Structures are given as C-alpha cells and as structure tokens.
C-alpha cells in the first residue's frame, strides 16, 4: 500500500474517511474467496461508525464467514484496527 495515501498528519476536508479500512477489507476478502474478481467493497462514510459492505459471490459466503464465524470476526478485527489508525470506527457487513 502506498503510505502517501494514508498520511495521518495532513488534514484535508476532501479526504474520504475509512479508505485504509476499505482497502484492508477488500484485500482480506479477495484473499479468502475462490472468485476474487467478484469481490466488491462499498464504503459509506456519511455515518458514525463508517459502514463497509463487502459483497462476494454467493458460493464464497461460507469462506468469508468461516466456521462459527471465525473468518468474518478476524476480518472485522483487522479492518477495525486499520480504521483505528485513521481515528475512525467501522462496521463491516458481508453479502453474497
């Protein structure tokens, strides 16, 4: 990832909130599915917490959720950590 895109010290009114968290969610989702080209991530930064919707192929929902929801929980934890680096909170939902 390009660190220049995530400069935390620069305040910019036009900066989209949650960009790093969205990128992390997309990377992780594409890493666990069989059809990474079907992954799309939508970011709604007009609310608090920021909402990130991860859309995957319906056949890949089991891979993203994992046994007892462990994969989904791990993805949510890592995305929350990325958002915390930006001083934000996120909510991640998965759709198939």
N, C-alpha and C. Protein backbone atom coordinates (compact mmCIF):
# COMPACT_ATOMS: atom_id res chain seq x y z
N UNK A 1 0.83 -1.18 0.00
CA UNK A 1 0.00 0.00 0.00
C UNK A 1 0.87 1.24 0.00
N UNK A 2 0.42 2.25 -0.65
CA UNK A 2 1.15 3.49 -0.76
C UNK A 2 0.90 4.33 0.49
N UNK A 3 1.91 4.56 1.28
CA UNK A 3 1.78 5.29 2.53
C UNK A 3 1.36 6.74 2.31
N UNK A 4 1.67 7.32 1.14
CA UNK A 4 1.28 8.70 0.87
C UNK A 4 -0.23 8.87 0.89
N UNK A 5 -0.96 7.84 0.52
CA UNK A 5 -2.42 7.90 0.50
C UNK A 5 -2.99 7.97 1.90
N UNK A 6 -2.22 7.53 2.89
CA UNK A 6 -2.72 7.41 4.24
C UNK A 6 -1.97 8.32 5.20
N UNK A 7 -1.65 9.54 4.77
CA UNK A 7 -0.94 10.48 5.63
C UNK A 7 -1.88 10.97 6.72
N UNK A 8 -1.60 10.55 7.97
CA UNK A 8 -2.48 10.86 9.09
C UNK A 8 -2.29 12.28 9.61
N UNK A 9 -1.18 12.89 9.30
CA UNK A 9 -0.89 14.21 9.83
C UNK A 9 -1.52 15.32 9.03
N UNK A 10 -1.86 15.04 7.80
CA UNK A 10 -2.40 16.07 6.92
C UNK A 10 -3.91 16.11 7.02
N UNK A 11 -4.46 17.23 7.43
CA UNK A 11 -5.90 17.37 7.50
C UNK A 11 -6.41 17.90 6.17
N UNK A 12 -7.33 17.17 5.58
CA UNK A 12 -7.88 17.54 4.28
C UNK A 12 -9.38 17.35 4.34
N UNK A 13 -10.12 18.41 4.15
CA UNK A 13 -11.57 18.34 4.22
C UNK A 13 -12.15 17.45 3.12
N UNK A 14 -11.43 17.23 2.06
CA UNK A 14 -11.93 16.41 0.96
C UNK A 14 -11.52 14.95 1.08
N UNK A 15 -10.80 14.60 2.14
CA UNK A 15 -10.34 13.23 2.32
C UNK A 15 -11.51 12.32 2.67
N UNK A 16 -11.57 11.18 1.99
CA UNK A 16 -12.60 10.19 2.26
C UNK A 16 -12.24 9.42 3.52
N UNK A 17 -13.14 9.37 4.47
CA UNK A 17 -12.90 8.66 5.72
C UNK A 17 -12.92 7.15 5.48
N UNK A 18 -12.03 6.43 6.12
CA UNK A 18 -12.05 4.98 6.09
C UNK A 18 -11.43 4.32 4.88
N UNK A 19 -10.62 5.04 4.12
CA UNK A 19 -10.02 4.48 2.90
C UNK A 19 -9.11 3.30 3.22
N UNK A 20 -8.28 3.43 4.23
CA UNK A 20 -7.38 2.34 4.56
C UNK A 20 -8.17 1.11 5.04
N UNK A 21 -9.20 1.32 5.82
CA UNK A 21 -10.03 0.21 6.30
C UNK A 21 -10.71 -0.49 5.13
N UNK A 22 -11.20 0.28 4.17
CA UNK A 22 -11.83 -0.31 2.99
C UNK A 22 -10.83 -1.15 2.21
N UNK A 23 -9.63 -0.63 2.03
CA UNK A 23 -8.59 -1.37 1.30
C UNK A 23 -8.23 -2.67 2.00
N UNK A 24 -8.15 -2.63 3.32
CA UNK A 24 -7.84 -3.84 4.09
C UNK A 24 -8.97 -4.86 3.94
N UNK A 25 -10.21 -4.40 4.03
CA UNK A 25 -11.36 -5.31 3.87
C UNK A 25 -11.35 -5.96 2.49
N UNK A 26 -11.06 -5.18 1.46
CA UNK A 26 -11.02 -5.72 0.10
C UNK A 26 -9.89 -6.74 -0.05
N UNK A 27 -8.72 -6.42 0.45
CA UNK A 27 -7.57 -7.32 0.35
C UNK A 27 -7.85 -8.65 1.06
N UNK A 28 -8.38 -8.58 2.27
CA UNK A 28 -8.65 -9.80 3.03
C UNK A 28 -9.74 -10.64 2.39
N UNK A 29 -10.80 -10.00 1.92
CA UNK A 29 -11.89 -10.74 1.28
C UNK A 29 -11.39 -11.45 0.02
N UNK A 30 -10.62 -10.74 -0.79
CA UNK A 30 -10.10 -11.34 -2.01
C UNK A 30 -9.13 -12.48 -1.71
N UNK A 31 -8.51 -12.43 -0.54
CA UNK A 31 -7.54 -13.46 -0.16
C UNK A 31 -8.19 -14.79 0.21
N UNK A 32 -9.43 -14.76 0.69
CA UNK A 32 -10.05 -15.99 1.17
C UNK A 32 -11.06 -16.60 0.21
N UNK A 33 -11.49 -15.88 -0.82
CA UNK A 33 -12.52 -16.40 -1.73
C UNK A 33 -11.90 -17.11 -2.93
N UNK A 34 -12.73 -17.88 -3.64
CA UNK A 34 -12.27 -18.57 -4.85
C UNK A 34 -12.45 -17.69 -6.08
N UNK A 35 -13.34 -16.68 -5.99
CA UNK A 35 -13.56 -15.76 -7.12
C UNK A 35 -13.28 -14.33 -6.66
N UNK A 36 -12.00 -13.95 -6.59
CA UNK A 36 -11.67 -12.60 -6.12
C UNK A 36 -12.17 -11.50 -7.05
N UNK A 37 -12.39 -11.81 -8.32
CA UNK A 37 -12.91 -10.80 -9.24
C UNK A 37 -14.35 -10.43 -8.93
N UNK A 38 -15.05 -11.25 -8.16
CA UNK A 38 -16.44 -10.98 -7.80
C UNK A 38 -16.57 -10.15 -6.52
N UNK A 39 -15.46 -9.85 -5.88
CA UNK A 39 -15.49 -9.08 -4.63
C UNK A 39 -15.63 -7.59 -4.93
N UNK A 40 -16.56 -6.97 -4.25
CA UNK A 40 -16.67 -5.51 -4.31
C UNK A 40 -16.91 -5.00 -2.90
N UNK A 41 -16.37 -3.82 -2.63
CA UNK A 41 -16.47 -3.24 -1.30
C UNK A 41 -17.04 -1.84 -1.43
N UNK A 42 -18.09 -1.57 -0.67
CA UNK A 42 -18.72 -0.25 -0.66
C UNK A 42 -18.45 0.41 0.69
N UNK A 43 -18.15 1.69 0.64
CA UNK A 43 -17.84 2.46 1.84
C UNK A 43 -18.87 3.57 2.01
N UNK A 44 -19.50 3.62 3.17
CA UNK A 44 -20.44 4.70 3.50
C UNK A 44 -19.83 5.49 4.64
N UNK A 45 -19.22 6.61 4.32
CA UNK A 45 -18.54 7.40 5.35
C UNK A 45 -19.40 8.54 5.88
N UNK A 46 -20.69 8.54 5.54
CA UNK A 46 -21.56 9.62 5.97
C UNK A 46 -22.20 9.34 7.33
N UNK A 47 -21.74 8.29 8.01
CA UNK A 47 -22.29 7.96 9.32
C UNK A 47 -21.17 7.56 10.26
N UNK A 48 -21.51 7.45 11.54
CA UNK A 48 -20.53 7.01 12.52
C UNK A 48 -21.13 5.86 13.30
N UNK A 49 -20.59 4.68 13.28
CA UNK A 49 -19.33 4.32 12.63
C UNK A 49 -19.48 4.20 11.12
N UNK A 50 -18.35 4.27 10.44
CA UNK A 50 -18.30 4.10 8.99
C UNK A 50 -18.80 2.70 8.67
N UNK A 51 -19.59 2.56 7.60
CA UNK A 51 -20.11 1.25 7.21
C UNK A 51 -19.37 0.75 5.98
N UNK A 52 -18.86 -0.48 6.07
CA UNK A 52 -18.19 -1.11 4.94
C UNK A 52 -18.97 -2.37 4.60
N UNK A 53 -19.50 -2.42 3.37
CA UNK A 53 -20.23 -3.58 2.88
C UNK A 53 -19.34 -4.36 1.92
N UNK A 54 -19.11 -5.62 2.24
CA UNK A 54 -18.28 -6.49 1.41
C UNK A 54 -19.21 -7.45 0.67
N UNK A 55 -19.20 -7.36 -0.65
CA UNK A 55 -20.04 -8.23 -1.49
C UNK A 55 -19.14 -9.28 -2.13
N UNK A 56 -19.53 -10.55 -1.99
CA UNK A 56 -18.78 -11.66 -2.58
C UNK A 56 -19.76 -12.52 -3.37
N UNK A 57 -19.21 -13.43 -4.17
CA UNK A 57 -20.04 -14.40 -4.88
C UNK A 57 -20.79 -15.23 -3.83
N UNK A 58 -22.07 -15.52 -4.06
CA UNK A 58 -22.83 -16.29 -3.07
C UNK A 58 -22.17 -17.63 -2.69
N UNK A 59 -21.46 -18.23 -3.63
CA UNK A 59 -20.80 -19.50 -3.33
C UNK A 59 -19.59 -19.31 -2.40
N UNK A 60 -19.12 -18.10 -2.25
CA UNK A 60 -17.97 -17.83 -1.39
C UNK A 60 -18.36 -17.34 0.01
N UNK A 61 -19.65 -17.21 0.28
CA UNK A 61 -20.07 -16.71 1.60
C UNK A 61 -19.55 -17.59 2.73
N UNK A 62 -19.55 -18.89 2.54
CA UNK A 62 -19.05 -19.79 3.57
C UNK A 62 -17.58 -19.57 3.88
N UNK A 63 -16.82 -19.25 2.84
CA UNK A 63 -15.38 -18.99 3.04
C UNK A 63 -15.17 -17.69 3.80
N UNK A 64 -15.97 -16.69 3.52
CA UNK A 64 -15.81 -15.38 4.18
C UNK A 64 -16.30 -15.45 5.62
N UNK A 65 -17.36 -16.19 5.86
CA UNK A 65 -17.89 -16.30 7.22
C UNK A 65 -17.03 -17.25 8.05
N UNK A 66 -16.67 -18.41 7.48
CA UNK A 66 -15.83 -19.38 8.20
C UNK A 66 -16.62 -20.17 9.21
N UNK A 67 -15.99 -21.17 9.77
CA UNK A 67 -16.64 -21.99 10.79
C UNK A 67 -16.89 -21.15 12.03
N UNK A 68 -18.15 -21.18 12.45
CA UNK A 68 -18.58 -20.43 13.64
C UNK A 68 -18.28 -18.95 13.54
N UNK A 69 -18.16 -18.43 12.30
CA UNK A 69 -17.95 -17.00 12.09
C UNK A 69 -16.56 -16.50 12.38
N UNK A 70 -15.60 -17.41 12.47
CA UNK A 70 -14.25 -17.00 12.87
C UNK A 70 -13.53 -16.16 11.82
N UNK A 71 -13.70 -16.49 10.55
CA UNK A 71 -13.04 -15.71 9.49
C UNK A 71 -13.63 -14.30 9.45
N UNK A 72 -14.96 -14.22 9.51
CA UNK A 72 -15.62 -12.90 9.50
C UNK A 72 -15.18 -12.07 10.70
N UNK A 73 -15.08 -12.71 11.86
CA UNK A 73 -14.65 -12.00 13.05
C UNK A 73 -13.21 -11.49 12.90
N UNK A 74 -12.34 -12.33 12.33
CA UNK A 74 -10.94 -11.92 12.13
C UNK A 74 -10.86 -10.76 11.15
N UNK A 75 -11.64 -10.82 10.06
CA UNK A 75 -11.64 -9.72 9.09
C UNK A 75 -12.12 -8.44 9.76
N UNK A 76 -13.20 -8.53 10.52
CA UNK A 76 -13.72 -7.34 11.21
C UNK A 76 -12.69 -6.76 12.17
N UNK A 77 -11.96 -7.61 12.87
CA UNK A 77 -10.95 -7.15 13.81
C UNK A 77 -9.83 -6.40 13.10
N UNK A 78 -9.33 -6.96 12.00
CA UNK A 78 -8.24 -6.31 11.26
C UNK A 78 -8.70 -5.01 10.61
N UNK A 79 -9.92 -4.99 10.09
CA UNK A 79 -10.45 -3.76 9.48
C UNK A 79 -10.65 -2.69 10.56
N UNK A 80 -11.10 -3.08 11.73
CA UNK A 80 -11.25 -2.12 12.84
C UNK A 80 -9.91 -1.55 13.26
N UNK A 81 -8.87 -2.39 13.24
CA UNK A 81 -7.53 -1.90 13.58
C UNK A 81 -7.04 -0.89 12.54
N UNK A 82 -7.31 -1.16 11.26
CA UNK A 82 -6.92 -0.21 10.21
C UNK A 82 -7.68 1.10 10.36
N UNK A 83 -8.95 1.01 10.70
CA UNK A 83 -9.75 2.23 10.90
C UNK A 83 -9.25 3.02 12.10
N UNK A 84 -8.85 2.32 13.15
CA UNK A 84 -8.34 2.99 14.35
C UNK A 84 -7.09 3.79 14.03
N UNK A 85 -6.29 3.32 13.06
CA UNK A 85 -5.10 4.07 12.64
C UNK A 85 -5.48 5.43 12.07
N UNK A 86 -6.69 5.51 11.52
CA UNK A 86 -7.19 6.77 10.97
C UNK A 86 -8.06 7.53 11.98
N UNK A 87 -8.21 6.96 13.17
CA UNK A 87 -9.04 7.59 14.18
C UNK A 87 -10.52 7.40 13.93
N UNK A 88 -10.88 6.33 13.26
CA UNK A 88 -12.28 6.07 12.91
C UNK A 88 -12.75 4.76 13.52
N UNK A 89 -14.06 4.57 13.51
CA UNK A 89 -14.68 3.30 13.89
C UNK A 89 -15.43 2.76 12.68
N UNK A 90 -15.47 1.44 12.54
CA UNK A 90 -16.14 0.85 11.38
C UNK A 90 -17.08 -0.27 11.78
N UNK A 91 -18.00 -0.53 10.87
CA UNK A 91 -18.92 -1.66 10.97
C UNK A 91 -18.82 -2.38 9.64
N UNK A 92 -18.52 -3.68 9.66
CA UNK A 92 -18.32 -4.46 8.43
C UNK A 92 -19.44 -5.48 8.30
N UNK A 93 -20.08 -5.51 7.13
CA UNK A 93 -21.12 -6.48 6.83
C UNK A 93 -20.75 -7.23 5.56
N UNK A 94 -21.15 -8.50 5.49
CA UNK A 94 -20.85 -9.34 4.34
C UNK A 94 -22.14 -9.72 3.64
N UNK A 95 -22.10 -9.68 2.31
CA UNK A 95 -23.26 -10.01 1.48
C UNK A 95 -22.84 -10.94 0.35
N UNK A 96 -23.71 -11.89 0.03
CA UNK A 96 -23.40 -12.83 -1.04
C UNK A 96 -24.35 -12.75 -2.19
